[in-house]
Amino acid sequence: TQDVQVVIERAIPIQLIVDGVTVEARTNADTVDGVLSEMNAPLFGLDYVIPDGQTPIIENMTIEIVRVTEEVVSETEIIPYEVTYQSDASMNLDQKATIQAGQNGTQEIRTRIRYENGIEMDRTPDSTTMTQAPVNEVIAYGTNIILNTIDTPEGPREYWRTFRVYAT
């Protein structure tokens, strides 16, 4: 008939990779986002597409949908206690006594793990929470000097500490 115009738009061949499967398809979409819409292949959550969604379509183009998931893993870590020393004037010199026993503490470390297409890509520390504080061990040492006397051939001698030594 007269004044009829026929326009033929040929579909462009592309490859769409999604969830590890390659699909050979044809599209009339102008952009990558248009292809996803046309192919009913939506992005969920953190998913993204390579190339970018605004990229114009060219013949035999490969479009990949990368599925992204995250998980948070908790680990318990031991916090070692410290040993502290304090002087005690009521105890004799060179004596030691444990005033308080030490106890390790614990902390929970949460790590966010990012997976792209099921492959671990990144580990990021999320938070650290101390679940039990460590209790330091306290050891008292004596500072009280007591003079002792010993009789020697030269007369009495006063001393406050004895040592056992091996000399050559």
N, C-alpha and C. Protein backbone atom coordinates (compact mmCIF):
# COMPACT_ATOMS: atom_id res chain seq x y z
N THR A 1 0.84 -1.18 0.00
CA THR A 1 0.00 0.00 0.00
C THR A 1 0.87 1.22 0.00
N GLN A 2 0.24 2.28 -0.32
CA GLN A 2 0.96 3.54 -0.41
C GLN A 2 1.24 4.12 0.97
N ASP A 3 2.34 4.83 1.18
CA ASP A 3 2.75 5.52 2.41
C ASP A 3 2.98 4.58 3.60
N VAL A 4 3.23 3.33 3.34
CA VAL A 4 3.56 2.40 4.43
C VAL A 4 5.08 2.29 4.48
N GLN A 5 5.60 2.46 5.68
CA GLN A 5 7.05 2.38 5.86
C GLN A 5 7.34 1.17 6.74
N VAL A 6 8.19 0.30 6.29
CA VAL A 6 8.57 -0.89 7.04
C VAL A 6 9.98 -0.68 7.57
N VAL A 7 10.14 -0.81 8.89
CA VAL A 7 11.45 -0.66 9.52
C VAL A 7 11.85 -2.01 10.11
N ILE A 8 13.00 -2.46 9.77
CA ILE A 8 13.50 -3.73 10.31
C ILE A 8 14.64 -3.42 11.27
N GLU A 9 14.46 -3.82 12.51
CA GLU A 9 15.53 -3.69 13.50
C GLU A 9 16.00 -5.09 13.83
N ARG A 10 17.17 -5.37 13.45
CA ARG A 10 17.71 -6.72 13.68
C ARG A 10 18.21 -6.82 15.13
N ALA A 11 17.93 -7.92 15.76
CA ALA A 11 18.40 -8.16 17.12
C ALA A 11 19.91 -8.38 17.08
N ILE A 12 20.56 -7.90 18.13
CA ILE A 12 22.03 -7.99 18.22
C ILE A 12 22.38 -9.22 19.04
N PRO A 13 23.30 -10.06 18.54
CA PRO A 13 23.69 -11.24 19.33
C PRO A 13 24.58 -10.82 20.52
N ILE A 14 24.29 -11.41 21.68
CA ILE A 14 25.08 -11.15 22.90
C ILE A 14 25.25 -12.47 23.65
N GLN A 15 26.10 -12.43 24.67
CA GLN A 15 26.26 -13.54 25.60
C GLN A 15 25.98 -12.99 26.99
N LEU A 16 25.16 -13.69 27.75
CA LEU A 16 24.84 -13.30 29.12
C LEU A 16 25.33 -14.42 30.04
N ILE A 17 26.23 -14.06 30.95
CA ILE A 17 26.75 -15.03 31.92
C ILE A 17 26.09 -14.74 33.25
N VAL A 18 25.32 -15.69 33.75
CA VAL A 18 24.64 -15.52 35.03
C VAL A 18 24.66 -16.85 35.78
N ASP A 19 25.06 -16.80 37.04
CA ASP A 19 25.13 -17.99 37.92
C ASP A 19 25.95 -19.11 37.30
N GLY A 20 27.03 -18.74 36.60
CA GLY A 20 27.93 -19.74 36.02
C GLY A 20 27.46 -20.34 34.71
N VAL A 21 26.33 -19.86 34.18
CA VAL A 21 25.79 -20.38 32.93
C VAL A 21 25.88 -19.29 31.86
N THR A 22 26.36 -19.66 30.67
CA THR A 22 26.44 -18.72 29.55
C THR A 22 25.23 -18.93 28.65
N VAL A 23 24.50 -17.85 28.42
CA VAL A 23 23.31 -17.90 27.58
C VAL A 23 23.58 -17.08 26.32
N GLU A 24 23.44 -17.72 25.15
CA GLU A 24 23.55 -17.03 23.86
C GLU A 24 22.17 -16.45 23.58
N ALA A 25 22.09 -15.15 23.32
CA ALA A 25 20.79 -14.52 23.11
C ALA A 25 20.91 -13.41 22.07
N ARG A 26 19.76 -12.86 21.72
CA ARG A 26 19.69 -11.71 20.83
C ARG A 26 18.84 -10.68 21.54
N THR A 27 19.18 -9.40 21.32
CA THR A 27 18.45 -8.34 22.01
C THR A 27 18.24 -7.14 21.10
N ASN A 28 17.18 -6.40 21.42
CA ASN A 28 16.93 -5.12 20.76
C ASN A 28 17.18 -3.97 21.72
N ALA A 29 17.65 -4.28 22.94
CA ALA A 29 17.88 -3.24 23.95
C ALA A 29 19.07 -2.38 23.55
N ASP A 30 19.06 -1.14 24.06
CA ASP A 30 20.14 -0.21 23.75
C ASP A 30 21.27 -0.25 24.76
N THR A 31 20.95 -0.62 26.02
CA THR A 31 21.95 -0.62 27.09
C THR A 31 21.95 -1.96 27.81
N VAL A 32 22.96 -2.16 28.65
CA VAL A 32 23.06 -3.38 29.44
C VAL A 32 21.85 -3.51 30.37
N ASP A 33 21.43 -2.40 31.00
CA ASP A 33 20.24 -2.46 31.86
C ASP A 33 19.02 -2.91 31.08
N GLY A 34 18.90 -2.46 29.82
CA GLY A 34 17.79 -2.88 28.97
C GLY A 34 17.82 -4.36 28.69
N VAL A 35 19.02 -4.92 28.48
CA VAL A 35 19.15 -6.36 28.25
C VAL A 35 18.69 -7.13 29.47
N LEU A 36 19.12 -6.68 30.67
CA LEU A 36 18.73 -7.37 31.90
C LEU A 36 17.21 -7.37 32.06
N SER A 37 16.60 -6.26 31.75
CA SER A 37 15.15 -6.16 31.85
C SER A 37 14.49 -7.07 30.81
N GLU A 38 14.99 -7.02 29.58
CA GLU A 38 14.44 -7.83 28.50
C GLU A 38 14.58 -9.32 28.76
N MET A 39 15.70 -9.72 29.37
CA MET A 39 15.97 -11.14 29.62
C MET A 39 15.42 -11.61 30.96
N ASN A 40 14.77 -10.69 31.69
CA ASN A 40 14.22 -11.00 33.01
C ASN A 40 15.32 -11.56 33.93
N ALA A 41 16.43 -10.83 33.98
CA ALA A 41 17.58 -11.21 34.81
C ALA A 41 17.87 -10.07 35.78
N PRO A 42 17.08 -9.93 36.85
CA PRO A 42 17.25 -8.80 37.76
C PRO A 42 18.49 -8.94 38.66
N LEU A 43 18.94 -7.81 39.16
CA LEU A 43 20.02 -7.78 40.15
C LEU A 43 19.38 -7.73 41.53
N PHE A 44 19.94 -8.48 42.48
CA PHE A 44 19.43 -8.50 43.85
C PHE A 44 20.50 -8.00 44.80
N GLY A 45 20.10 -7.25 45.81
CA GLY A 45 21.00 -6.83 46.87
C GLY A 45 22.26 -6.16 46.37
N LEU A 46 23.39 -6.79 46.60
CA LEU A 46 24.70 -6.23 46.26
C LEU A 46 25.19 -6.66 44.87
N ASP A 47 24.37 -7.39 44.11
CA ASP A 47 24.78 -7.86 42.79
C ASP A 47 25.15 -6.68 41.90
N TYR A 48 26.03 -6.93 40.94
CA TYR A 48 26.38 -5.91 39.95
C TYR A 48 26.63 -6.57 38.60
N VAL A 49 26.72 -5.76 37.58
CA VAL A 49 26.87 -6.27 36.22
C VAL A 49 28.15 -5.69 35.61
N ILE A 50 28.80 -6.53 34.77
CA ILE A 50 29.99 -6.11 34.04
C ILE A 50 29.68 -6.26 32.56
N PRO A 51 29.75 -5.25 31.76
CA PRO A 51 30.06 -3.85 32.05
C PRO A 51 28.90 -3.14 32.73
N ASP A 52 29.10 -1.87 33.05
CA ASP A 52 28.12 -1.06 33.76
C ASP A 52 26.77 -1.05 33.02
N GLY A 53 25.70 -0.84 33.76
CA GLY A 53 24.35 -0.87 33.22
C GLY A 53 24.05 0.15 32.15
N GLN A 54 24.77 1.26 32.13
CA GLN A 54 24.53 2.31 31.14
C GLN A 54 25.34 2.12 29.86
N THR A 55 26.13 1.05 29.78
CA THR A 55 26.97 0.79 28.62
C THR A 55 26.12 0.43 27.41
N PRO A 56 26.38 1.07 26.24
CA PRO A 56 25.62 0.72 25.03
C PRO A 56 25.95 -0.70 24.55
N ILE A 57 24.97 -1.34 23.94
CA ILE A 57 25.12 -2.72 23.47
C ILE A 57 25.84 -2.72 22.12
N ILE A 58 26.81 -3.64 21.99
CA ILE A 58 27.48 -3.85 20.70
C ILE A 58 27.38 -5.33 20.35
N GLU A 59 27.59 -5.64 19.11
CA GLU A 59 27.44 -7.01 18.63
C GLU A 59 28.44 -7.95 19.33
N ASN A 60 27.96 -9.13 19.69
CA ASN A 60 28.73 -10.20 20.34
C ASN A 60 29.32 -9.77 21.70
N MET A 61 28.65 -8.85 22.35
CA MET A 61 29.09 -8.36 23.67
C MET A 61 28.83 -9.44 24.73
N THR A 62 29.73 -9.52 25.70
CA THR A 62 29.54 -10.43 26.83
C THR A 62 29.15 -9.61 28.05
N ILE A 63 28.04 -9.98 28.66
CA ILE A 63 27.54 -9.31 29.86
C ILE A 63 27.55 -10.34 30.97
N GLU A 64 28.15 -9.97 32.09
CA GLU A 64 28.22 -10.90 33.23
C GLU A 64 27.53 -10.30 34.44
N ILE A 65 26.63 -11.08 35.03
CA ILE A 65 26.00 -10.70 36.29
C ILE A 65 26.79 -11.35 37.41
N VAL A 66 27.31 -10.53 38.31
CA VAL A 66 28.09 -11.04 39.43
C VAL A 66 27.18 -11.07 40.66
N ARG A 67 26.95 -12.25 41.17
CA ARG A 67 26.12 -12.43 42.36
C ARG A 67 26.98 -12.22 43.60
N VAL A 68 26.56 -11.30 44.45
CA VAL A 68 27.34 -10.95 45.64
C VAL A 68 26.54 -11.34 46.88
N THR A 69 27.20 -12.06 47.78
CA THR A 69 26.60 -12.39 49.08
C THR A 69 27.61 -12.05 50.16
N GLU A 70 27.11 -11.81 51.34
CA GLU A 70 27.97 -11.54 52.49
C GLU A 70 27.51 -12.39 53.66
N GLU A 71 28.47 -12.76 54.49
CA GLU A 71 28.15 -13.47 55.72
C GLU A 71 29.03 -12.91 56.83
N VAL A 72 28.50 -12.96 58.04
CA VAL A 72 29.25 -12.48 59.20
C VAL A 72 29.60 -13.71 60.05
N VAL A 73 30.89 -13.86 60.32
CA VAL A 73 31.39 -14.98 61.10
C VAL A 73 31.91 -14.46 62.43
N SER A 74 31.57 -15.16 63.51
CA SER A 74 32.04 -14.78 64.85
C SER A 74 33.09 -15.78 65.30
N GLU A 75 34.18 -15.25 65.86
CA GLU A 75 35.24 -16.08 66.43
C GLU A 75 35.52 -15.60 67.84
N THR A 76 35.81 -16.52 68.73
CA THR A 76 36.16 -16.16 70.10
C THR A 76 37.67 -16.24 70.24
N GLU A 77 38.25 -15.18 70.78
CA GLU A 77 39.70 -15.09 70.95
C GLU A 77 40.02 -14.91 72.43
N ILE A 78 41.08 -15.54 72.88
CA ILE A 78 41.49 -15.43 74.28
C ILE A 78 42.37 -14.20 74.47
N ILE A 79 42.08 -13.46 75.52
CA ILE A 79 42.91 -12.31 75.89
C ILE A 79 43.74 -12.75 77.09
N PRO A 80 45.07 -12.85 76.96
CA PRO A 80 45.88 -13.31 78.08
C PRO A 80 45.93 -12.28 79.21
N TYR A 81 46.00 -12.81 80.43
CA TYR A 81 46.12 -11.90 81.58
C TYR A 81 47.56 -11.47 81.75
N GLU A 82 47.76 -10.39 82.48
CA GLU A 82 49.10 -9.88 82.75
C GLU A 82 49.47 -10.17 84.19
N VAL A 83 50.75 -10.21 84.46
CA VAL A 83 51.24 -10.41 85.82
C VAL A 83 51.77 -9.07 86.32
N THR A 84 51.27 -8.63 87.45
CA THR A 84 51.74 -7.39 88.04
C THR A 84 52.35 -7.70 89.40
N TYR A 85 53.32 -6.89 89.78
CA TYR A 85 54.01 -7.07 91.05
C TYR A 85 53.76 -5.83 91.90
N GLN A 86 53.58 -6.06 93.20
CA GLN A 86 53.44 -4.93 94.11
C GLN A 86 54.23 -5.22 95.37
N SER A 87 54.83 -4.19 95.89
CA SER A 87 55.64 -4.36 97.10
C SER A 87 54.74 -4.47 98.32
N ASP A 88 55.25 -5.20 99.33
CA ASP A 88 54.49 -5.39 100.57
C ASP A 88 55.48 -5.28 101.73
N ALA A 89 55.36 -4.21 102.50
CA ALA A 89 56.29 -3.96 103.61
C ALA A 89 56.09 -4.93 104.76
N SER A 90 54.97 -5.63 104.81
CA SER A 90 54.74 -6.57 105.91
C SER A 90 55.41 -7.93 105.63
N MET A 91 55.85 -8.17 104.42
CA MET A 91 56.51 -9.44 104.10
C MET A 91 58.01 -9.24 104.13
N ASN A 92 58.71 -10.31 104.53
CA ASN A 92 60.17 -10.27 104.59
C ASN A 92 60.75 -10.21 103.18
N LEU A 93 61.93 -9.62 103.10
CA LEU A 93 62.64 -9.51 101.83
C LEU A 93 62.80 -10.89 101.21
N ASP A 94 62.68 -10.98 99.89
CA ASP A 94 62.83 -12.20 99.10
C ASP A 94 61.65 -13.17 99.24
N GLN A 95 60.62 -12.79 99.93
CA GLN A 95 59.42 -13.63 99.98
C GLN A 95 58.44 -13.14 98.91
N LYS A 96 57.72 -14.08 98.34
CA LYS A 96 56.70 -13.74 97.34
C LYS A 96 55.43 -14.50 97.68
N ALA A 97 54.31 -13.88 97.35
CA ALA A 97 53.02 -14.53 97.56
C ALA A 97 52.05 -14.04 96.48
N THR A 98 51.25 -14.95 95.99
CA THR A 98 50.24 -14.58 94.99
C THR A 98 49.01 -14.06 95.73
N ILE A 99 48.70 -12.80 95.47
CA ILE A 99 47.54 -12.18 96.13
C ILE A 99 46.26 -12.47 95.33
N GLN A 100 46.39 -12.44 94.01
CA GLN A 100 45.23 -12.68 93.15
C GLN A 100 45.67 -13.53 91.97
N ALA A 101 44.96 -14.62 91.73
CA ALA A 101 45.28 -15.49 90.60
C ALA A 101 44.81 -14.84 89.30
N GLY A 102 45.55 -15.05 88.25
CA GLY A 102 45.19 -14.49 86.95
C GLY A 102 44.18 -15.36 86.23
N GLN A 103 43.39 -14.72 85.37
CA GLN A 103 42.41 -15.45 84.57
C GLN A 103 42.32 -14.80 83.20
N ASN A 104 42.42 -15.62 82.14
CA ASN A 104 42.32 -15.10 80.78
C ASN A 104 40.92 -14.55 80.52
N GLY A 105 40.85 -13.56 79.67
CA GLY A 105 39.57 -13.02 79.23
C GLY A 105 39.25 -13.52 77.84
N THR A 106 38.09 -13.17 77.33
CA THR A 106 37.70 -13.55 75.97
C THR A 106 37.08 -12.36 75.26
N GLN A 107 37.22 -12.37 73.95
CA GLN A 107 36.57 -11.36 73.13
C GLN A 107 36.01 -12.02 71.88
N GLU A 108 34.90 -11.47 71.40
CA GLU A 108 34.27 -11.98 70.19
C GLU A 108 34.61 -11.05 69.04
N ILE A 109 35.16 -11.62 67.98
CA ILE A 109 35.53 -10.85 66.80
C ILE A 109 34.59 -11.25 65.67
N ARG A 110 33.86 -10.26 65.15
CA ARG A 110 32.93 -10.49 64.04
C ARG A 110 33.60 -10.02 62.75
N THR A 111 33.62 -10.90 61.75
CA THR A 111 34.25 -10.60 60.48
C THR A 111 33.21 -10.74 59.36
N ARG A 112 33.15 -9.74 58.49
CA ARG A 112 32.23 -9.77 57.34
C ARG A 112 33.00 -10.34 56.15
N ILE A 113 32.47 -11.42 55.57
CA ILE A 113 33.10 -12.08 54.43
C ILE A 113 32.23 -11.83 53.20
N ARG A 114 32.87 -11.33 52.14
CA ARG A 114 32.16 -11.01 50.89
C ARG A 114 32.50 -12.07 49.84
N TYR A 115 31.45 -12.63 49.24
CA TYR A 115 31.60 -13.63 48.19
C TYR A 115 31.06 -13.06 46.88
N GLU A 116 31.79 -13.27 45.79
CA GLU A 116 31.31 -12.91 44.46
C GLU A 116 31.28 -14.18 43.63
N ASN A 117 30.08 -14.54 43.18
CA ASN A 117 29.85 -15.81 42.46
C ASN A 117 30.36 -17.00 43.26
N GLY A 118 30.18 -16.96 44.57
CA GLY A 118 30.55 -18.07 45.44
C GLY A 118 32.02 -18.12 45.82
N ILE A 119 32.83 -17.17 45.37
CA ILE A 119 34.27 -17.15 45.67
C ILE A 119 34.53 -16.04 46.67
N GLU A 120 35.25 -16.37 47.75
CA GLU A 120 35.57 -15.36 48.77
C GLU A 120 36.48 -14.29 48.16
N MET A 121 36.05 -13.03 48.32
CA MET A 121 36.81 -11.92 47.75
C MET A 121 37.42 -11.02 48.81
N ASP A 122 36.79 -10.91 49.98
CA ASP A 122 37.24 -9.93 50.96
C ASP A 122 36.80 -10.34 52.36
N ARG A 123 37.66 -10.04 53.32
CA ARG A 123 37.34 -10.20 54.75
C ARG A 123 37.58 -8.86 55.41
N THR A 124 36.54 -8.37 56.10
CA THR A 124 36.63 -7.08 56.76
C THR A 124 36.24 -7.23 58.22
N PRO A 125 37.08 -6.77 59.16
CA PRO A 125 36.67 -6.81 60.57
C PRO A 125 35.43 -5.94 60.76
N ASP A 126 34.41 -6.52 61.38
CA ASP A 126 33.14 -5.81 61.56
C ASP A 126 33.07 -5.18 62.95
N SER A 127 33.34 -5.98 63.98
CA SER A 127 33.32 -5.45 65.35
C SER A 127 34.07 -6.39 66.28
N THR A 128 34.50 -5.84 67.39
CA THR A 128 35.15 -6.62 68.44
C THR A 128 34.47 -6.29 69.75
N THR A 129 34.00 -7.33 70.45
CA THR A 129 33.30 -7.14 71.71
C THR A 129 33.98 -7.99 72.78
N MET A 130 34.35 -7.34 73.89
CA MET A 130 34.96 -8.08 74.99
C MET A 130 33.84 -8.78 75.77
N THR A 131 33.88 -10.11 75.79
CA THR A 131 32.84 -10.87 76.48
C THR A 131 33.22 -11.14 77.94
N GLN A 132 34.50 -11.24 78.22
CA GLN A 132 34.96 -11.41 79.60
C GLN A 132 36.32 -10.74 79.72
N ALA A 133 36.42 -9.80 80.64
CA ALA A 133 37.68 -9.06 80.82
C ALA A 133 38.70 -9.96 81.52
N PRO A 134 39.98 -9.84 81.16
CA PRO A 134 40.99 -10.63 81.86
C PRO A 134 41.20 -10.10 83.28
N VAL A 135 41.55 -11.01 84.17
CA VAL A 135 41.86 -10.64 85.56
C VAL A 135 43.37 -10.81 85.72
N ASN A 136 44.05 -9.71 86.03
CA ASN A 136 45.51 -9.76 86.16
C ASN A 136 45.93 -10.53 87.40
N GLU A 137 47.03 -11.25 87.28
CA GLU A 137 47.61 -11.94 88.43
C GLU A 137 48.43 -10.91 89.20
N VAL A 138 48.24 -10.87 90.52
CA VAL A 138 48.97 -9.91 91.36
C VAL A 138 49.86 -10.71 92.30
N ILE A 139 51.16 -10.42 92.24
CA ILE A 139 52.14 -11.08 93.09
C ILE A 139 52.76 -10.02 93.99
N ALA A 140 52.73 -10.28 95.30
CA ALA A 140 53.34 -9.37 96.27
C ALA A 140 54.75 -9.87 96.58
N TYR A 141 55.66 -8.92 96.72
CA TYR A 141 57.02 -9.28 97.12
C TYR A 141 57.39 -8.46 98.35
N GLY A 142 58.14 -9.12 99.25
CA GLY A 142 58.49 -8.48 100.51
C GLY A 142 59.60 -7.45 100.38
N THR A 143 59.47 -6.39 101.18
CA THR A 143 60.50 -5.35 101.21
C THR A 143 61.02 -5.13 102.63
N ASN A 144 60.50 -5.88 103.59
CA ASN A 144 60.89 -5.70 104.99
C ASN A 144 62.25 -6.39 105.22
N ILE A 145 63.22 -5.59 105.60
CA ILE A 145 64.56 -6.12 105.86
C ILE A 145 64.67 -6.46 107.33
N ILE A 146 64.98 -7.73 107.61
CA ILE A 146 65.17 -8.19 108.99
C ILE A 146 66.64 -8.53 109.16
N LEU A 147 67.25 -7.89 110.16
CA LEU A 147 68.66 -8.15 110.43
C LEU A 147 68.79 -9.41 111.27
N ASN A 148 69.66 -10.28 110.83
CA ASN A 148 69.97 -11.51 111.58
C ASN A 148 71.41 -11.41 112.06
N THR A 149 71.70 -12.16 113.10
CA THR A 149 73.05 -12.13 113.67
C THR A 149 73.61 -13.55 113.64
N ILE A 150 74.88 -13.64 113.31
CA ILE A 150 75.58 -14.92 113.32
C ILE A 150 76.90 -14.73 114.08
N ASP A 151 77.23 -15.72 114.87
CA ASP A 151 78.50 -15.66 115.61
C ASP A 151 79.61 -16.21 114.74
N THR A 152 80.69 -15.44 114.63
CA THR A 152 81.86 -15.86 113.85
C THR A 152 83.07 -15.77 114.76
N PRO A 153 84.24 -16.34 114.37
CA PRO A 153 85.44 -16.23 115.18
C PRO A 153 85.86 -14.78 115.37
N GLU A 154 85.49 -13.91 114.45
CA GLU A 154 85.82 -12.49 114.59
C GLU A 154 84.78 -11.75 115.43
N GLY A 155 83.76 -12.42 115.87
CA GLY A 155 82.70 -11.80 116.65
C GLY A 155 81.37 -11.87 115.91
N PRO A 156 80.31 -11.37 116.52
CA PRO A 156 78.98 -11.44 115.87
C PRO A 156 78.92 -10.53 114.64
N ARG A 157 78.23 -11.03 113.61
CA ARG A 157 78.04 -10.28 112.38
C ARG A 157 76.54 -10.22 112.08
N GLU A 158 76.12 -9.06 111.58
CA GLU A 158 74.72 -8.90 111.20
C GLU A 158 74.61 -9.05 109.68
N TYR A 159 73.53 -9.69 109.25
CA TYR A 159 73.28 -9.84 107.81
C TYR A 159 71.77 -9.80 107.58
N TRP A 160 71.37 -9.51 106.33
CA TRP A 160 69.95 -9.46 106.01
C TRP A 160 69.57 -10.33 104.81
N ARG A 161 70.59 -10.91 104.15
CA ARG A 161 70.30 -11.79 103.01
C ARG A 161 71.43 -12.79 102.90
N THR A 162 71.09 -14.03 102.52
CA THR A 162 72.11 -15.03 102.28
C THR A 162 71.99 -15.50 100.83
N PHE A 163 73.12 -15.91 100.29
CA PHE A 163 73.16 -16.41 98.92
C PHE A 163 73.90 -17.71 98.90
N ARG A 164 73.52 -18.60 98.07
CA ARG A 164 74.28 -19.82 97.83
C ARG A 164 74.91 -19.63 96.47
N VAL A 165 76.23 -19.68 96.38
CA VAL A 165 76.93 -19.44 95.14
C VAL A 165 77.95 -20.53 94.87
N TYR A 166 78.35 -20.63 93.66
CA TYR A 166 79.42 -21.52 93.24
C TYR A 166 80.47 -20.64 92.60
N ALA A 167 81.63 -20.60 93.16
CA ALA A 167 82.69 -19.72 92.66
C ALA A 167 83.88 -20.56 92.25
N THR A 168 84.53 -20.14 91.17
CA THR A 168 85.76 -20.83 90.76
C THR A 168 86.85 -19.80 90.61
